[in-house]
């Protein structure tokens, strides 16, 4: 599970309207029939028009300054292993979204009119997407880039030959291009992976737009606050403040496991990500201490995620001999690609 919470920006400033973001989320509906479209939904409603989403979010910004976020984006991306556990991808993801938004509300260390925050105080709209495309920052695209550069140079030479600017053998150049296309290390369906190419397999994920202000438009609820959940004395009064991201991520993972009877391996758990970041030696020691069958699954998960398995020790002696820094290099990127963000 990979979850991110970000304040929406346009360039260097916070977006003053949600219209661009909503239009971006509508891109998968282009060219589809009404019955095939994915619509926005919230805690209690389905098939909410995009225009209503923009209207509701943009109108819920009382007293927010220009330099303050007006809304946040939460992206929830289940792993391929988690997606396989779902019986009905669309309905199950809706059910899960509504469940974790209750967990989101309970992660605020705030009170509204003397009571704790509940999901009824959260103004949000969510949308399920089923496709993803490769980005320039993806490992596959970056590692294919040297081949892409050579191919582009050869195509430029062919263009110049056709325009009469230079001389050369076009067939030889085309043969070199074809060879480079197949030599690129990352392929999908027999084609070199490039930026913008749609990823194969089940890529279902959830986008959630959350207003900075509560339903009443009176109270600011910021999940991006620099303050963790704490109490502070302001004007002689004890005031609760902050959002506990750590608690939210843990609840989101447990919610998925309990809702869909998912048996989570240590290698894909939120705890393992925290262990890896805070104390890599604990991470690898725990990994090696798993029962044989669980350890085999863990190594398979890490291998599928792109971790070079020869960088992982197979016993505690090797762990003592290898440097943690070297091990961390081998696992870091792959863990981030399939984990809950911290």
C-alpha atoms as a PDB file:
ATOM      1  CA  UNK A   1       0.000   0.000   0.000  1.00  0.00           C
ATOM      2  CA  UNK A   2       1.345   3.415  -0.934  1.00  0.00           C
ATOM      3  CA  UNK A   3      -0.413   6.483   0.465  1.00  0.00           C
ATOM      4  CA  UNK A   4       0.584  10.100  -0.042  1.00  0.00           C
ATOM      5  CA  UNK A   5      -0.913  13.308   1.337  1.00  0.00           C
ATOM      6  CA  UNK A   6       0.054  16.487  -0.491  1.00  0.00           C
ATOM      7  CA  UNK A   7      -1.083  20.087  -0.636  1.00  0.00           C
ATOM      8  CA  UNK A   8      -1.976  20.992  -4.207  1.00  0.00           C
ATOM      9  CA  UNK A   9       0.275  23.599  -5.806  1.00  0.00           C
ATOM     10  CA  UNK A  10       0.322  25.369  -9.154  1.00  0.00           C
ATOM     11  CA  UNK A  11       3.904  26.313  -9.792  1.00  0.00           C
ATOM     12  CA  UNK A  12       5.263  27.843  -6.588  1.00  0.00           C
ATOM     13  CA  UNK A  13       1.879  28.831  -5.172  1.00  0.00           C
ATOM     14  CA  UNK A  14      -0.996  26.874  -3.713  1.00  0.00           C
ATOM     15  CA  UNK A  15      -3.855  26.285  -6.126  1.00  0.00           C
ATOM     16  CA  UNK A  16      -6.638  28.793  -5.522  1.00  0.00           C
ATOM     17  CA  UNK A  17      -9.179  26.543  -7.268  1.00  0.00           C
ATOM     18  CA  UNK A  18      -9.621  22.797  -7.555  1.00  0.00           C
ATOM     19  CA  UNK A  19     -10.744  23.041 -11.189  1.00  0.00           C
ATOM     20  CA  UNK A  20      -7.409  22.007 -12.766  1.00  0.00           C
ATOM     21  CA  UNK A  21      -7.011  19.053 -10.428  1.00  0.00           C
ATOM     22  CA  UNK A  22     -10.579  17.880 -10.991  1.00  0.00           C
ATOM     23  CA  UNK A  23     -10.148  18.166 -14.765  1.00  0.00           C
ATOM     24  CA  UNK A  24      -6.961  16.108 -14.471  1.00  0.00           C
ATOM     25  CA  UNK A  25      -8.869  13.386 -12.612  1.00  0.00           C
ATOM     26  CA  UNK A  26     -11.515  13.362 -15.333  1.00  0.00           C
ATOM     27  CA  UNK A  27      -8.991  12.419 -18.046  1.00  0.00           C
ATOM     28  CA  UNK A  28      -9.792   8.680 -17.941  1.00  0.00           C
ATOM     29  CA  UNK A  29     -13.429   9.435 -18.795  1.00  0.00           C
ATOM     30  CA  UNK A  30     -12.556  11.019 -22.131  1.00  0.00           C
ATOM     31  CA  UNK A  31     -14.224   9.163 -24.985  1.00  0.00           C
ATOM     32  CA  UNK A  32     -16.183   6.815 -22.715  1.00  0.00           C
ATOM     33  CA  UNK A  33     -19.923   6.235 -22.646  1.00  0.00           C
ATOM     34  CA  UNK A  34     -21.763   7.481 -19.569  1.00  0.00           C
ATOM     35  CA  UNK A  35     -22.205   3.971 -18.197  1.00  0.00           C
ATOM     36  CA  UNK A  36     -18.475   3.244 -18.444  1.00  0.00           C
ATOM     37  CA  UNK A  37     -17.294   6.394 -16.662  1.00  0.00           C
ATOM     38  CA  UNK A  38     -15.891   6.561 -13.148  1.00  0.00           C
ATOM     39  CA  UNK A  39     -17.648   9.250 -11.102  1.00  0.00           C
ATOM     40  CA  UNK A  40     -16.708  11.143  -7.973  1.00  0.00           C
ATOM     41  CA  UNK A  41     -18.164   9.909  -4.696  1.00  0.00           C
ATOM     42  CA  UNK A  42     -17.955  10.781  -1.011  1.00  0.00           C
ATOM     43  CA  UNK A  43     -19.029   9.259   2.292  1.00  0.00           C
ATOM     44  CA  UNK A  44     -22.695   9.140   1.437  1.00  0.00           C
ATOM     45  CA  UNK A  45     -23.115   9.850  -2.262  1.00  0.00           C
ATOM     46  CA  UNK A  46     -22.205   8.394  -5.662  1.00  0.00           C
ATOM     47  CA  UNK A  47     -22.031   9.775  -9.206  1.00  0.00           C
ATOM     48  CA  UNK A  48     -21.239  13.315  -8.071  1.00  0.00           C
ATOM     49  CA  UNK A  49     -20.652  15.649 -11.076  1.00  0.00           C
ATOM     50  CA  UNK A  50     -17.184  17.160 -11.434  1.00  0.00           C
ATOM     51  CA  UNK A  51     -18.689  20.654 -11.543  1.00  0.00           C
ATOM     52  CA  UNK A  52     -20.231  20.076  -8.107  1.00  0.00           C
ATOM     53  CA  UNK A  53     -16.896  18.897  -6.710  1.00  0.00           C
ATOM     54  CA  UNK A  54     -15.202  22.106  -7.847  1.00  0.00           C
ATOM     55  CA  UNK A  55     -18.038  24.237  -6.500  1.00  0.00           C
ATOM     56  CA  UNK A  56     -18.038  22.560  -3.079  1.00  0.00           C
ATOM     57  CA  UNK A  57     -14.258  22.576  -2.584  1.00  0.00           C
ATOM     58  CA  UNK A  58     -13.717  26.129  -3.880  1.00  0.00           C
ATOM     59  CA  UNK A  59     -16.512  27.570  -1.730  1.00  0.00           C
ATOM     60  CA  UNK A  60     -15.138  25.980   1.447  1.00  0.00           C
ATOM     61  CA  UNK A  61     -12.153  28.284   2.006  1.00  0.00           C
ATOM     62  CA  UNK A  62     -13.338  30.977   4.446  1.00  0.00           C
ATOM     63  CA  UNK A  63     -10.492  32.955   6.054  1.00  0.00           C
ATOM     64  CA  UNK A  64      -7.775  30.938   4.333  1.00  0.00           C
ATOM     65  CA  UNK A  65      -4.909  33.095   3.119  1.00  0.00           C
ATOM     66  CA  UNK A  66      -3.527  32.977  -0.423  1.00  0.00           C
ATOM     67  CA  UNK A  67      -0.356  31.308   0.820  1.00  0.00           C
ATOM     68  CA  UNK A  68      -2.277  28.564   2.645  1.00  0.00           C
ATOM     69  CA  UNK A  69      -3.403  25.272   1.033  1.00  0.00           C
ATOM     70  CA  UNK A  70      -7.082  25.275   0.119  1.00  0.00           C
ATOM     71  CA  UNK A  71      -7.301  21.519  -0.286  1.00  0.00           C
ATOM     72  CA  UNK A  72      -5.172  18.389  -0.080  1.00  0.00           C
ATOM     73  CA  UNK A  73      -4.785  15.386  -2.336  1.00  0.00           C
ATOM     74  CA  UNK A  74      -4.653  11.897  -0.847  1.00  0.00           C
ATOM     75  CA  UNK A  75      -3.566   9.155  -3.231  1.00  0.00           C
ATOM     76  CA  UNK A  76      -4.133   5.551  -2.161  1.00  0.00           C
ATOM     77  CA  UNK A  77      -2.365   2.935  -4.293  1.00  0.00           C
ATOM     78  CA  UNK A  78      -2.829  -0.697  -3.282  1.00  0.00           C
ATOM     79  CA  UNK A  79      -0.087  -3.098  -4.383  1.00  0.00           C
ATOM     80  CA  UNK A  80      -0.758  -5.776  -6.993  1.00  0.00           C
ATOM     81  CA  UNK A  81      -0.895  -8.316  -4.178  1.00  0.00           C
ATOM     82  CA  UNK A  82      -3.553  -6.314  -2.348  1.00  0.00           C
ATOM     83  CA  UNK A  83      -5.573  -5.731  -5.525  1.00  0.00           C
ATOM     84  CA  UNK A  84      -5.703  -9.479  -6.122  1.00  0.00           C
ATOM     85  CA  UNK A  85      -7.511  -9.841  -2.796  1.00  0.00           C
ATOM     86  CA  UNK A  86     -10.447  -7.712  -3.934  1.00  0.00           C
ATOM     87  CA  UNK A  87     -13.572  -9.428  -5.223  1.00  0.00           C
ATOM     88  CA  UNK A  88     -15.043  -6.361  -6.920  1.00  0.00           C
ATOM     89  CA  UNK A  89     -12.341  -3.786  -7.546  1.00  0.00           C
ATOM     90  CA  UNK A  90     -14.604  -0.767  -7.962  1.00  0.00           C
ATOM     91  CA  UNK A  91     -17.035  -1.415  -5.112  1.00  0.00           C
ATOM     92  CA  UNK A  92     -14.357  -2.743  -2.762  1.00  0.00           C
ATOM     93  CA  UNK A  93     -12.185   0.331  -3.290  1.00  0.00           C
ATOM     94  CA  UNK A  94     -15.176   2.602  -2.618  1.00  0.00           C
ATOM     95  CA  UNK A  95     -15.897   0.696   0.572  1.00  0.00           C
ATOM     96  CA  UNK A  96     -12.255   0.966   1.610  1.00  0.00           C
ATOM     97  CA  UNK A  97     -12.130   4.690   0.815  1.00  0.00           C
ATOM     98  CA  UNK A  98     -15.108   5.432   3.039  1.00  0.00           C
ATOM     99  CA  UNK A  99     -13.594   3.344   5.824  1.00  0.00           C
ATOM    100  CA  UNK A 100     -10.187   5.031   5.797  1.00  0.00           C
ATOM    101  CA  UNK A 101     -11.734   8.493   5.644  1.00  0.00           C
ATOM    102  CA  UNK A 102     -13.213   7.695   9.062  1.00  0.00           C
ATOM    103  CA  UNK A 103      -9.671   6.792  10.142  1.00  0.00           C
ATOM    104  CA  UNK A 104      -8.427  10.032   8.583  1.00  0.00           C
ATOM    105  CA  UNK A 105     -10.881  12.040  10.681  1.00  0.00           C
ATOM    106  CA  UNK A 106      -9.968  10.234  13.894  1.00  0.00           C
ATOM    107  CA  UNK A 107      -6.273  10.965  13.300  1.00  0.00           C
ATOM    108  CA  UNK A 108      -6.820  14.682  13.934  1.00  0.00           C
ATOM    109  CA  UNK A 109      -5.958  15.820  17.427  1.00  0.00           C
ATOM    110  CA  UNK A 110      -8.627  18.487  17.245  1.00  0.00           C
ATOM    111  CA  UNK A 111     -12.018  19.250  18.689  1.00  0.00           C
ATOM    112  CA  UNK A 112     -15.006  20.935  17.076  1.00  0.00           C
ATOM    113  CA  UNK A 113     -17.478  22.437  19.520  1.00  0.00           C
ATOM    114  CA  UNK A 114     -16.012  20.320  22.309  1.00  0.00           C
ATOM    115  CA  UNK A 115     -16.147  16.959  20.515  1.00  0.00           C
ATOM    116  CA  UNK A 116     -13.631  14.930  18.528  1.00  0.00           C
ATOM    117  CA  UNK A 117     -13.482  15.196  14.750  1.00  0.00           C
ATOM    118  CA  UNK A 118     -15.507  12.597  12.830  1.00  0.00           C
ATOM    119  CA  UNK A 119     -15.872  11.772   9.147  1.00  0.00           C
ATOM    120  CA  UNK A 120     -19.045  13.874   9.099  1.00  0.00           C
ATOM    121  CA  UNK A 121     -16.783  16.907   9.559  1.00  0.00           C
ATOM    122  CA  UNK A 122     -14.625  16.071   6.533  1.00  0.00           C
ATOM    123  CA  UNK A 123     -15.530  17.536   3.141  1.00  0.00           C
ATOM    124  CA  UNK A 124     -14.020  15.238   0.558  1.00  0.00           C
ATOM    125  CA  UNK A 125     -14.602  13.749  -2.870  1.00  0.00           C
ATOM    126  CA  UNK A 126     -12.926  10.632  -4.212  1.00  0.00           C
ATOM    127  CA  UNK A 127     -12.453   9.019  -7.595  1.00  0.00           C
ATOM    128  CA  UNK A 128     -11.121   5.623  -8.650  1.00  0.00           C
ATOM    129  CA  UNK A 129      -8.713   5.386 -11.564  1.00  0.00           C
ATOM    130  CA  UNK A 130      -7.734   2.145 -13.281  1.00  0.00           C
ATOM    131  CA  UNK A 131      -4.738   3.193 -15.377  1.00  0.00           C
ATOM    132  CA  UNK A 132      -1.251   4.529 -14.765  1.00  0.00           C
ATOM    133  CA  UNK A 133       1.442   5.678 -17.157  1.00  0.00           C
ATOM    134  CA  UNK A 134       5.209   5.563 -16.768  1.00  0.00           C
ATOM    135  CA  UNK A 135       6.793   8.802 -15.593  1.00  0.00           C
ATOM    136  CA  UNK A 136      10.232  10.136 -16.344  1.00  0.00           C
ATOM    137  CA  UNK A 137      11.215   9.425 -12.744  1.00  0.00           C
ATOM    138  CA  UNK A 138      10.319   5.711 -12.944  1.00  0.00           C
ATOM    139  CA  UNK A 139      13.254   3.310 -12.751  1.00  0.00           C
ATOM    140  CA  UNK A 140      12.316   1.618 -16.021  1.00  0.00           C
ATOM    141  CA  UNK A 141      12.270   4.892 -17.967  1.00  0.00           C
ATOM    142  CA  UNK A 142      15.502   6.181 -16.398  1.00  0.00           C
ATOM    143  CA  UNK A 143      17.405   2.968 -17.100  1.00  0.00           C
ATOM    144  CA  UNK A 144      16.099   2.924 -20.678  1.00  0.00           C
ATOM    145  CA  UNK A 145      17.124   6.548 -21.229  1.00  0.00           C
ATOM    146  CA  UNK A 146      20.640   5.903 -22.652  1.00  0.00           C
ATOM    147  CA  UNK A 147      19.021   3.779 -25.369  1.00  0.00           C
ATOM    148  CA  UNK A 148      16.344   6.426 -25.952  1.00  0.00           C
ATOM    149  CA  UNK A 149      19.052   9.062 -26.451  1.00  0.00           C
ATOM    150  CA  UNK A 150      20.932   6.934 -28.987  1.00  0.00           C
ATOM    151  CA  UNK A 151      17.703   6.133 -30.855  1.00  0.00           C
ATOM    152  CA  UNK A 152      16.796   9.833 -31.015  1.00  0.00           C
ATOM    153  CA  UNK A 153      20.233  10.723 -32.403  1.00  0.00           C
ATOM    154  CA  UNK A 154      19.907   8.056 -35.093  1.00  0.00           C
ATOM    155  CA  UNK A 155      16.421   9.268 -36.024  1.00  0.00           C
ATOM    156  CA  UNK A 156      17.783  12.809 -36.339  1.00  0.00           C
ATOM    157  CA  UNK A 157      20.486  11.516 -38.703  1.00  0.00           C
ATOM    158  CA  UNK A 158      17.832   9.789 -40.823  1.00  0.00           C
ATOM    159  CA  UNK A 159      15.798  13.011 -40.951  1.00  0.00           C
ATOM    160  CA  UNK A 160      18.834  14.996 -42.132  1.00  0.00           C
ATOM    161  CA  UNK A 161      19.611  12.398 -44.817  1.00  0.00           C
ATOM    162  CA  UNK A 162      16.020  12.575 -46.114  1.00  0.00           C
ATOM    163  CA  UNK A 163      16.233  16.378 -46.168  1.00  0.00           C
ATOM    164  CA  UNK A 164      19.486  16.238 -48.128  1.00  0.00           C
ATOM    165  CA  UNK A 165      21.517  17.890 -45.363  1.00  0.00           C
ATOM    166  CA  UNK A 166      23.937  14.960 -45.086  1.00  0.00           C
ATOM    167  CA  UNK A 167      24.739  11.563 -46.584  1.00  0.00           C
ATOM    168  CA  UNK A 168      24.327   8.114 -45.069  1.00  0.00           C
ATOM    169  CA  UNK A 169      22.771   4.676 -45.260  1.00  0.00           C
ATOM    170  CA  UNK A 170      19.204   4.907 -43.950  1.00  0.00           C
ATOM    171  CA  UNK A 171      18.714   1.123 -43.844  1.00  0.00           C
ATOM    172  CA  UNK A 172      21.798   0.670 -41.664  1.00  0.00           C
ATOM    173  CA  UNK A 173      20.611   3.389 -39.290  1.00  0.00           C
ATOM    174  CA  UNK A 174      17.127   1.852 -39.090  1.00  0.00           C
ATOM    175  CA  UNK A 175      18.716  -1.527 -38.338  1.00  0.00           C
ATOM    176  CA  UNK A 176      20.697   0.036 -35.469  1.00  0.00           C
ATOM    177  CA  UNK A 177      17.508   1.618 -34.110  1.00  0.00           C
ATOM    178  CA  UNK A 178      15.698  -1.733 -34.193  1.00  0.00           C
ATOM    179  CA  UNK A 179      18.607  -3.361 -32.357  1.00  0.00           C
ATOM    180  CA  UNK A 180      18.655  -0.650 -29.665  1.00  0.00           C
ATOM    181  CA  UNK A 181      14.888  -1.006 -29.205  1.00  0.00           C
ATOM    182  CA  UNK A 182      15.327  -4.660 -28.240  1.00  0.00           C
ATOM    183  CA  UNK A 183      18.480  -4.070 -26.159  1.00  0.00           C
ATOM    184  CA  UNK A 184      16.780  -1.655 -23.769  1.00  0.00           C
ATOM    185  CA  UNK A 185      16.602  -3.473 -20.380  1.00  0.00           C
ATOM    186  CA  UNK A 186      12.944  -2.726 -19.654  1.00  0.00           C
ATOM    187  CA  UNK A 187      10.304  -3.963 -22.071  1.00  0.00           C
ATOM    188  CA  UNK A 188       6.529  -4.316 -21.954  1.00  0.00           C
ATOM    189  CA  UNK A 189       4.681  -6.467 -24.457  1.00  0.00           C
ATOM    190  CA  UNK A 190       7.763  -6.499 -26.668  1.00  0.00           C
ATOM    191  CA  UNK A 191       8.196  -2.716 -26.675  1.00  0.00           C
ATOM    192  CA  UNK A 192      10.743  -0.476 -24.969  1.00  0.00           C
ATOM    193  CA  UNK A 193       9.186   1.218 -21.936  1.00  0.00           C
ATOM    194  CA  UNK A 194       9.023   4.980 -22.443  1.00  0.00           C
ATOM    195  CA  UNK A 195       7.552   7.912 -20.567  1.00  0.00           C
ATOM    196  CA  UNK A 196       3.795   8.123 -21.106  1.00  0.00           C
ATOM    197  CA  UNK A 197       3.341   4.414 -21.875  1.00  0.00           C
ATOM    198  CA  UNK A 198       0.389   2.879 -20.033  1.00  0.00           C
ATOM    199  CA  UNK A 199       1.391   0.317 -17.417  1.00  0.00           C
ATOM    200  CA  UNK A 200       0.046  -3.194 -17.868  1.00  0.00           C
ATOM    201  CA  UNK A 201      -1.924  -5.140 -15.269  1.00  0.00           C
ATOM    202  CA  UNK A 202      -4.372  -3.933 -12.645  1.00  0.00           C
ATOM    203  CA  UNK A 203      -3.360  -0.358 -11.774  1.00  0.00           C
ATOM    204  CA  UNK A 204      -6.484   0.648  -9.816  1.00  0.00           C
ATOM    205  CA  UNK A 205      -5.915   3.413  -7.278  1.00  0.00           C
ATOM    206  CA  UNK A 206      -7.855   6.131  -5.486  1.00  0.00           C
ATOM    207  CA  UNK A 207      -7.586   9.920  -5.632  1.00  0.00           C
ATOM    208  CA  UNK A 208      -9.202  11.894  -2.814  1.00  0.00           C
ATOM    209  CA  UNK A 209      -9.679  15.671  -2.726  1.00  0.00           C
ATOM    210  CA  UNK A 210     -10.012  16.903   0.864  1.00  0.00           C
ATOM    211  CA  UNK A 211     -10.964  20.438   1.798  1.00  0.00           C
ATOM    212  CA  UNK A 212      -8.693  22.224   4.269  1.00  0.00           C
ATOM    213  CA  UNK A 213     -11.794  23.455   6.100  1.00  0.00           C
ATOM    214  CA  UNK A 214     -14.353  21.295   7.853  1.00  0.00           C
ATOM    215  CA  UNK A 215     -17.945  20.857   6.671  1.00  0.00           C
ATOM    216  CA  UNK A 216     -19.071  23.977   8.526  1.00  0.00           C
ATOM    217  CA  UNK A 217     -16.333  26.042   6.818  1.00  0.00           C
ATOM    218  CA  UNK A 218     -15.284  27.282  10.283  1.00  0.00           C
ATOM    219  CA  UNK A 219     -12.449  24.979  11.395  1.00  0.00           C
ATOM    220  CA  UNK A 220      -9.148  24.393   9.629  1.00  0.00           C
ATOM    221  CA  UNK A 221      -8.158  20.717   9.449  1.00  0.00           C
ATOM    222  CA  UNK A 222      -4.679  20.418   8.002  1.00  0.00           C
ATOM    223  CA  UNK A 223      -3.111  16.960   7.547  1.00  0.00           C
ATOM    224  CA  UNK A 224       0.003  18.766   6.398  1.00  0.00           C
ATOM    225  CA  UNK A 225       0.492  20.672   9.612  1.00  0.00           C
ATOM    226  CA  UNK A 226       4.061  20.844  10.830  1.00  0.00           C
ATOM    227  CA  UNK A 227       2.679  19.993  14.245  1.00  0.00           C
ATOM    228  CA  UNK A 228       2.189  16.368  15.172  1.00  0.00           C
ATOM    229  CA  UNK A 229      -0.717  15.529  17.443  1.00  0.00           C
ATOM    230  CA  UNK A 230      -0.071  17.512  20.621  1.00  0.00           C
ATOM    231  CA  UNK A 231      -1.600  19.866  23.139  1.00  0.00           C
ATOM    232  CA  UNK A 232      -0.360  23.434  23.524  1.00  0.00           C
ATOM    233  CA  UNK A 233      -1.171  26.277  25.881  1.00  0.00           C
ATOM    234  CA  UNK A 234      -2.511  29.281  23.972  1.00  0.00           C
ATOM    235  CA  UNK A 235      -3.774  32.358  25.849  1.00  0.00           C
ATOM    236  CA  UNK A 236      -3.946  30.297  29.024  1.00  0.00           C
ATOM    237  CA  UNK A 237      -6.109  27.633  27.371  1.00  0.00           C
ATOM    238  CA  UNK A 238      -5.075  24.082  26.549  1.00  0.00           C
ATOM    239  CA  UNK A 239      -5.647  23.616  22.804  1.00  0.00           C
ATOM    240  CA  UNK A 240      -5.384  20.402  20.805  1.00  0.00           C
ATOM    241  CA  UNK A 241      -3.664  20.614  17.435  1.00  0.00           C
ATOM    242  CA  UNK A 242      -2.035  18.562  14.703  1.00  0.00           C
ATOM    243  CA  UNK A 243      -2.590  15.440  12.658  1.00  0.00           C
ATOM    244  CA  UNK A 244      -1.043  12.058  13.404  1.00  0.00           C
ATOM    245  CA  UNK A 245       0.071  10.756  10.015  1.00  0.00           C
ATOM    246  CA  UNK A 246       1.737   7.748  11.577  1.00  0.00           C
ATOM    247  CA  UNK A 247      -1.534   6.688  13.198  1.00  0.00           C
ATOM    248  CA  UNK A 248      -3.445   7.252   9.943  1.00  0.00           C
ATOM    249  CA  UNK A 249      -1.067   5.091   7.898  1.00  0.00           C
ATOM    250  CA  UNK A 250      -1.201   2.296  10.469  1.00  0.00           C
ATOM    251  CA  UNK A 251      -5.000   2.419  10.593  1.00  0.00           C
ATOM    252  CA  UNK A 252      -5.225   2.390   6.783  1.00  0.00           C
ATOM    253  CA  UNK A 253      -3.147  -0.772   6.580  1.00  0.00           C
ATOM    254  CA  UNK A 254      -5.038  -2.543   9.369  1.00  0.00           C
ATOM    255  CA  UNK A 255      -8.338  -1.464   7.825  1.00  0.00           C
ATOM    256  CA  UNK A 256      -7.434  -3.113   4.522  1.00  0.00           C
ATOM    257  CA  UNK A 257      -6.288  -6.324   6.193  1.00  0.00           C
ATOM    258  CA  UNK A 258      -9.383  -6.669   8.370  1.00  0.00           C
ATOM    259  CA  UNK A 259     -11.837  -5.628   5.646  1.00  0.00           C
ATOM    260  CA  UNK A 260     -10.522  -7.981   2.985  1.00  0.00           C
ATOM    261  CA  UNK A 261      -8.989 -10.754   5.150  1.00  0.00           C
ATOM    262  CA  UNK A 262      -5.546  -9.948   3.769  1.00  0.00           C
ATOM    263  CA  UNK A 263      -2.552 -11.767   5.275  1.00  0.00           C
ATOM    264  CA  UNK A 264       0.204  -9.189   5.130  1.00  0.00           C
ATOM    265  CA  UNK A 265       3.834 -10.239   4.911  1.00  0.00           C
ATOM    266  CA  UNK A 266       6.413  -8.340   6.971  1.00  0.00           C
ATOM    267  CA  UNK A 267       8.181  -7.163   3.791  1.00  0.00           C
ATOM    268  CA  UNK A 268       5.071  -5.214   2.686  1.00  0.00           C
ATOM    269  CA  UNK A 269       4.020  -3.932   6.112  1.00  0.00           C
ATOM    270  CA  UNK A 270       4.094  -0.373   7.349  1.00  0.00           C
ATOM    271  CA  UNK A 271       6.143  -1.552  10.322  1.00  0.00           C
ATOM    272  CA  UNK A 272       8.852  -2.868   8.017  1.00  0.00           C
ATOM    273  CA  UNK A 273       9.099   0.491   6.280  1.00  0.00           C
ATOM    274  CA  UNK A 274       9.518   2.262   9.614  1.00  0.00           C
ATOM    275  CA  UNK A 275      12.117  -0.297  10.722  1.00  0.00           C
ATOM    276  CA  UNK A 276      13.997   0.155   7.450  1.00  0.00           C
ATOM    277  CA  UNK A 277      14.110   3.941   7.760  1.00  0.00           C
ATOM    278  CA  UNK A 278      14.793   4.200  11.480  1.00  0.00           C
ATOM    279  CA  UNK A 279      16.986   1.134  12.046  1.00  0.00           C
ATOM    280  CA  UNK A 280      17.953  -0.876   8.939  1.00  0.00           C
ATOM    281  CA  UNK A 281      19.720  -3.507  11.031  1.00  0.00           C
ATOM    282  CA  UNK A 282      16.454  -4.281  12.836  1.00  0.00           C
ATOM    283  CA  UNK A 283      14.743  -4.514   9.451  1.00  0.00           C
ATOM    284  CA  UNK A 284      17.167  -7.091   8.058  1.00  0.00           C
ATOM    285  CA  UNK A 285      17.391  -9.014  11.330  1.00  0.00           C
ATOM    286  CA  UNK A 286      13.583  -9.311  11.454  1.00  0.00           C
ATOM    287  CA  UNK A 287      13.501 -10.344   7.800  1.00  0.00           C
ATOM    288  CA  UNK A 288      15.988 -13.136   8.443  1.00  0.00           C
ATOM    289  CA  UNK A 289      14.083 -14.239  11.552  1.00  0.00           C
ATOM    290  CA  UNK A 290      10.798 -14.897   9.719  1.00  0.00           C
ATOM    291  CA  UNK A 291       9.535 -18.489   9.470  1.00  0.00           C
ATOM    292  CA  UNK A 292      10.886 -20.207   6.351  1.00  0.00           C
ATOM    293  CA  UNK A 293       7.670 -19.940   4.327  1.00  0.00           C
ATOM    294  CA  UNK A 294       7.121 -16.266   5.238  1.00  0.00           C
ATOM    295  CA  UNK A 295      10.748 -15.431   4.500  1.00  0.00           C
ATOM    296  CA  UNK A 296      10.427 -17.029   1.052  1.00  0.00           C
ATOM    297  CA  UNK A 297       7.369 -14.888   0.333  1.00  0.00           C
ATOM    298  CA  UNK A 298       9.175 -11.773   1.627  1.00  0.00           C
ATOM    299  CA  UNK A 299      12.146 -12.391  -0.669  1.00  0.00           C
ATOM    300  CA  UNK A 300       9.769 -12.959  -3.595  1.00  0.00           C
ATOM    301  CA  UNK A 301       7.995  -9.664  -2.890  1.00  0.00           C
ATOM    302  CA  UNK A 302      11.301  -7.775  -2.685  1.00  0.00           C
ATOM    303  CA  UNK A 303      12.583  -9.460  -5.841  1.00  0.00           C
ATOM    304  CA  UNK A 304       9.441  -8.543  -7.798  1.00  0.00           C
ATOM    305  CA  UNK A 305       9.822  -4.953  -6.566  1.00  0.00           C
ATOM    306  CA  UNK A 306      13.286  -4.782  -8.113  1.00  0.00           C
ATOM    307  CA  UNK A 307      15.479  -5.335  -5.064  1.00  0.00           C
ATOM    308  CA  UNK A 308      18.756  -7.053  -6.049  1.00  0.00           C
ATOM    309  CA  UNK A 309      18.412 -10.173  -3.902  1.00  0.00           C
ATOM    310  CA  UNK A 310      22.176 -10.731  -3.827  1.00  0.00           C
ATOM    311  CA  UNK A 311      22.386  -7.547  -1.738  1.00  0.00           C
ATOM    312  CA  UNK A 312      20.273  -9.117   1.021  1.00  0.00           C
ATOM    313  CA  UNK A 313      22.104 -11.294   3.568  1.00  0.00           C
ATOM    314  CA  UNK A 314      20.913 -14.880   3.991  1.00  0.00           C
ATOM    315  CA  UNK A 315      22.158 -15.266   7.562  1.00  0.00           C
ATOM    316  CA  UNK A 316      23.150 -13.132  10.542  1.00  0.00           C
ATOM    317  CA  UNK A 317      26.865 -13.643   9.890  1.00  0.00           C
ATOM    318  CA  UNK A 318      26.550 -11.983   6.496  1.00  0.00           C
ATOM    319  CA  UNK A 319      24.497  -9.228   8.064  1.00  0.00           C
ATOM    320  CA  UNK A 320      27.324  -8.518  10.493  1.00  0.00           C
ATOM    321  CA  UNK A 321      29.898  -8.454   7.695  1.00  0.00           C
ATOM    322  CA  UNK A 322      28.037  -6.271   5.215  1.00  0.00           C
ATOM    323  CA  UNK A 323      27.607  -2.576   5.786  1.00  0.00           C
ATOM    324  CA  UNK A 324      24.099  -1.309   6.406  1.00  0.00           C
ATOM    325  CA  UNK A 325      24.778   1.556   4.006  1.00  0.00           C
ATOM    326  CA  UNK A 326      25.363  -0.889   1.150  1.00  0.00           C
ATOM    327  CA  UNK A 327      22.246  -2.878   1.998  1.00  0.00           C
ATOM    328  CA  UNK A 328      20.164   0.276   2.229  1.00  0.00           C
ATOM    329  CA  UNK A 329      21.178   1.290  -1.290  1.00  0.00           C
ATOM    330  CA  UNK A 330      19.897  -1.979  -2.655  1.00  0.00           C
ATOM    331  CA  UNK A 331      16.448  -1.832  -1.069  1.00  0.00           C
ATOM    332  CA  UNK A 332      15.518   1.828  -0.670  1.00  0.00           C
ATOM    333  CA  UNK A 333      13.945   2.617  -4.063  1.00  0.00           C
ATOM    334  CA  UNK A 334      12.027  -0.642  -4.339  1.00  0.00           C
ATOM    335  CA  UNK A 335      10.482  -0.258  -0.890  1.00  0.00           C
ATOM    336  CA  UNK A 336       9.254   3.230  -1.724  1.00  0.00           C
ATOM    337  CA  UNK A 337       7.559   1.946  -4.859  1.00  0.00           C
ATOM    338  CA  UNK A 338       5.314  -0.435  -2.939  1.00  0.00           C
ATOM    339  CA  UNK A 339       4.932   0.933   0.547  1.00  0.00           C
ATOM    340  CA  UNK A 340       2.889   3.404   2.487  1.00  0.00           C
ATOM    341  CA  UNK A 341       4.703   6.723   2.394  1.00  0.00           C
ATOM    342  CA  UNK A 342       6.169   7.933   5.656  1.00  0.00           C
END
